[in-house]
């Protein structure tokens, strides 16, 4: 009987530690998903003539007060070609500038790049996406890019970003 009462404080300590860890994970998730930049966004990449070439959907997460941004990206347009594609994104918001890099999470897929966009409105960034023009003769090419918060754009303009230049 005496040895059981000696184990009770240890059981309480372990239980308390597990509860603190669970609470920490829940609070981190809550803050990352309810911060100023958190939410669903589009990136729209245009060709040299200004026509929409591709569009991705991603869910931004960041801790309030921190400038570091994380996201998972999914290909959206054209869906038949890009719907199965997935990337990760890491970046920083510095003042009104959003600088990010991304890479494919799929094995055997060599898709990566960087962007530099400037905030024009609360829901809209415009700038450039930097990519390799040709893998056999490496040359960087800058492509027009727009990053838009999904819900606010649709509410304000009542159309999808594909309708814009």
Protein backbone atom coordinates (compact mmCIF):
# COMPACT_ATOMS: atom_id res chain seq x y z
CA UNK A 1 0.00 0.00 0.00
CA UNK A 2 2.84 2.39 0.81
CA UNK A 3 4.52 2.00 -2.60
CA UNK A 4 1.27 2.91 -4.41
CA UNK A 5 0.99 6.19 -2.51
CA UNK A 6 4.60 6.98 -3.47
CA UNK A 7 3.71 6.64 -7.18
CA UNK A 8 0.72 9.02 -7.06
CA UNK A 9 2.81 12.24 -7.24
CA UNK A 10 4.65 10.83 -10.24
CA UNK A 11 1.34 9.95 -11.94
CA UNK A 12 0.04 13.47 -11.26
CA UNK A 13 3.21 15.03 -12.68
CA UNK A 14 3.09 12.93 -15.87
CA UNK A 15 -0.63 13.65 -16.35
CA UNK A 16 -0.04 17.38 -15.82
CA UNK A 17 2.84 17.39 -18.30
CA UNK A 18 0.75 15.66 -20.97
CA UNK A 19 -2.11 18.13 -20.43
CA UNK A 20 0.27 21.11 -20.74
CA UNK A 21 1.66 19.74 -24.03
CA UNK A 22 -1.84 19.20 -25.42
CA UNK A 23 -2.86 22.73 -24.40
CA UNK A 24 0.29 24.17 -26.02
CA UNK A 25 -0.46 22.43 -29.35
CA UNK A 26 -4.10 23.61 -29.29
CA UNK A 27 -3.14 27.21 -28.52
CA UNK A 28 -0.42 27.26 -31.19
CA UNK A 29 -2.87 25.93 -33.79
CA UNK A 30 -5.49 28.50 -32.76
CA UNK A 31 -3.11 31.46 -32.94
CA UNK A 32 -1.49 30.35 -36.21
CA UNK A 33 -4.87 29.96 -37.89
CA UNK A 34 -6.50 33.15 -36.58
CA UNK A 35 -3.72 35.67 -37.13
CA UNK A 36 -3.89 38.63 -39.51
CA UNK A 37 -2.47 36.81 -42.53
CA UNK A 38 -3.99 33.40 -41.86
CA UNK A 39 -6.52 32.07 -44.31
CA UNK A 40 -6.99 30.87 -47.86
CA UNK A 41 -5.17 32.75 -50.62
CA UNK A 42 -4.67 32.41 -54.37
CA UNK A 43 -1.51 33.02 -56.31
CA UNK A 44 -2.11 33.88 -59.96
CA UNK A 45 0.82 33.53 -62.35
CA UNK A 46 0.57 35.27 -65.73
CA UNK A 47 2.31 34.65 -69.05
CA UNK A 48 4.16 37.33 -71.02
CA UNK A 49 0.91 38.49 -72.67
CA UNK A 50 -0.83 38.97 -69.31
CA UNK A 51 -3.09 35.90 -69.54
CA UNK A 52 -3.53 33.68 -66.49
CA UNK A 53 -1.13 30.77 -66.88
CA UNK A 54 -1.62 29.02 -63.55
CA UNK A 55 -3.30 29.51 -60.21
CA UNK A 56 -2.68 27.84 -56.86
CA UNK A 57 -4.62 27.84 -53.61
CA UNK A 58 -2.84 27.92 -50.29
CA UNK A 59 -3.63 28.30 -46.61
CA UNK A 60 -1.32 30.78 -44.89
CA UNK A 61 -0.47 30.38 -41.22
CA UNK A 62 1.59 32.60 -38.97
CA UNK A 63 1.90 33.33 -35.29
CA UNK A 64 0.50 36.76 -34.29
CA UNK A 65 3.25 39.35 -34.09
CA UNK A 66 5.66 37.17 -36.07
CA UNK A 67 6.60 37.93 -39.65
CA UNK A 68 7.29 34.31 -40.66
CA UNK A 69 4.64 32.73 -42.89
CA UNK A 70 4.05 29.04 -43.61
CA UNK A 71 1.66 27.42 -46.05
CA UNK A 72 0.70 24.29 -47.88
CA UNK A 73 -0.03 24.89 -51.58
CA UNK A 74 -2.27 22.97 -53.96
CA UNK A 75 -2.44 23.42 -57.74
CA UNK A 76 -5.82 24.81 -58.85
CA UNK A 77 -5.76 25.97 -62.50
CA UNK A 78 -5.64 24.36 -64.96
CA UNK A 79 -6.95 21.64 -62.69
CA UNK A 80 -6.41 18.75 -65.12
CA UNK A 81 -2.66 19.46 -65.17
CA UNK A 82 -2.00 20.93 -61.71
CA UNK A 83 -4.80 19.59 -59.46
CA UNK A 84 -2.61 16.83 -58.02
CA UNK A 85 0.45 19.06 -57.37
CA UNK A 86 1.50 20.03 -53.81
CA UNK A 87 4.13 22.42 -52.43
CA UNK A 88 5.29 23.91 -49.13
CA UNK A 89 5.93 27.62 -48.70
CA UNK A 90 8.00 29.60 -46.20
CA UNK A 91 8.30 33.35 -46.24
CA UNK A 92 8.42 36.64 -44.39
CA UNK A 93 6.33 39.75 -44.45
CA UNK A 94 8.54 42.81 -44.00
CA UNK A 95 6.53 46.03 -43.92
CA UNK A 96 4.38 45.82 -47.05
CA UNK A 97 6.59 43.26 -48.81
CA UNK A 98 6.05 39.50 -48.84
CA UNK A 99 9.10 37.43 -49.78
CA UNK A 100 8.62 33.67 -50.08
CA UNK A 101 10.17 30.49 -51.41
CA UNK A 102 8.40 27.24 -52.19
CA UNK A 103 9.26 23.68 -53.15
CA UNK A 104 7.42 20.55 -54.22
CA UNK A 105 6.70 17.93 -51.57
CA UNK A 106 6.21 15.21 -54.18
CA UNK A 107 9.05 12.81 -54.88
CA UNK A 108 10.60 13.18 -58.31
CA UNK A 109 8.99 16.58 -58.95
CA UNK A 110 11.49 19.39 -59.36
CA UNK A 111 9.31 22.44 -58.89
CA UNK A 112 10.50 25.35 -56.80
CA UNK A 113 10.85 29.10 -56.95
CA UNK A 114 10.72 32.40 -55.13
CA UNK A 115 8.48 35.44 -55.22
CA UNK A 116 8.66 39.03 -54.17
CA UNK A 117 5.31 40.81 -53.92
CA UNK A 118 4.26 44.19 -52.53
CA UNK A 119 1.01 44.78 -50.65
CA UNK A 120 -1.42 47.04 -52.52
CA UNK A 121 -4.51 46.40 -50.37
CA UNK A 122 -5.29 44.27 -47.31
CA UNK A 123 -6.19 41.34 -49.55
CA UNK A 124 -3.92 41.95 -52.55
CA UNK A 125 -0.18 41.68 -53.26
CA UNK A 126 1.42 42.14 -56.70
CA UNK A 127 4.95 41.42 -57.80
CA UNK A 128 7.20 38.92 -59.48
CA UNK A 129 7.77 35.17 -59.43
CA UNK A 130 11.29 34.06 -60.31
CA UNK A 131 11.71 30.76 -62.16
CA UNK A 132 14.16 28.90 -64.41
CA UNK A 133 13.36 29.59 -68.04
CA UNK A 134 15.06 26.50 -69.43
CA UNK A 135 16.67 23.70 -67.40
CA UNK A 136 19.27 22.93 -70.11
CA UNK A 137 20.49 26.56 -70.27
CA UNK A 138 19.83 27.97 -66.80
CA UNK A 139 18.42 31.47 -67.05
CA UNK A 140 16.20 33.16 -64.51
CA UNK A 141 12.98 34.70 -65.79
CA UNK A 142 10.69 37.04 -63.88
CA UNK A 143 6.95 36.40 -64.26
CA UNK A 144 4.04 38.60 -63.14
CA UNK A 145 2.35 37.32 -59.97
CA UNK A 146 -0.66 38.34 -57.92
CA UNK A 147 -1.40 36.98 -54.43
CA UNK A 148 -5.01 37.45 -53.30
CA UNK A 149 -6.96 36.56 -50.15
CA UNK A 150 -9.77 34.33 -51.44
CA UNK A 151 -12.76 35.45 -49.37
CA UNK A 152 -12.17 39.20 -49.59
CA UNK A 153 -11.49 39.18 -53.33
CA UNK A 154 -14.66 37.24 -54.16
CA UNK A 155 -16.72 39.46 -51.84
CA UNK A 156 -15.41 42.73 -53.34
CA UNK A 157 -15.33 41.87 -57.04
CA UNK A 158 -17.80 38.95 -57.27
CA UNK A 159 -15.52 37.06 -59.68
CA UNK A 160 -12.55 34.73 -59.54
CA UNK A 161 -8.97 36.03 -59.92
CA UNK A 162 -8.73 34.41 -63.36
CA UNK A 163 -10.83 37.30 -64.64
CA UNK A 164 -8.15 39.86 -63.77
CA UNK A 165 -4.84 41.04 -65.22
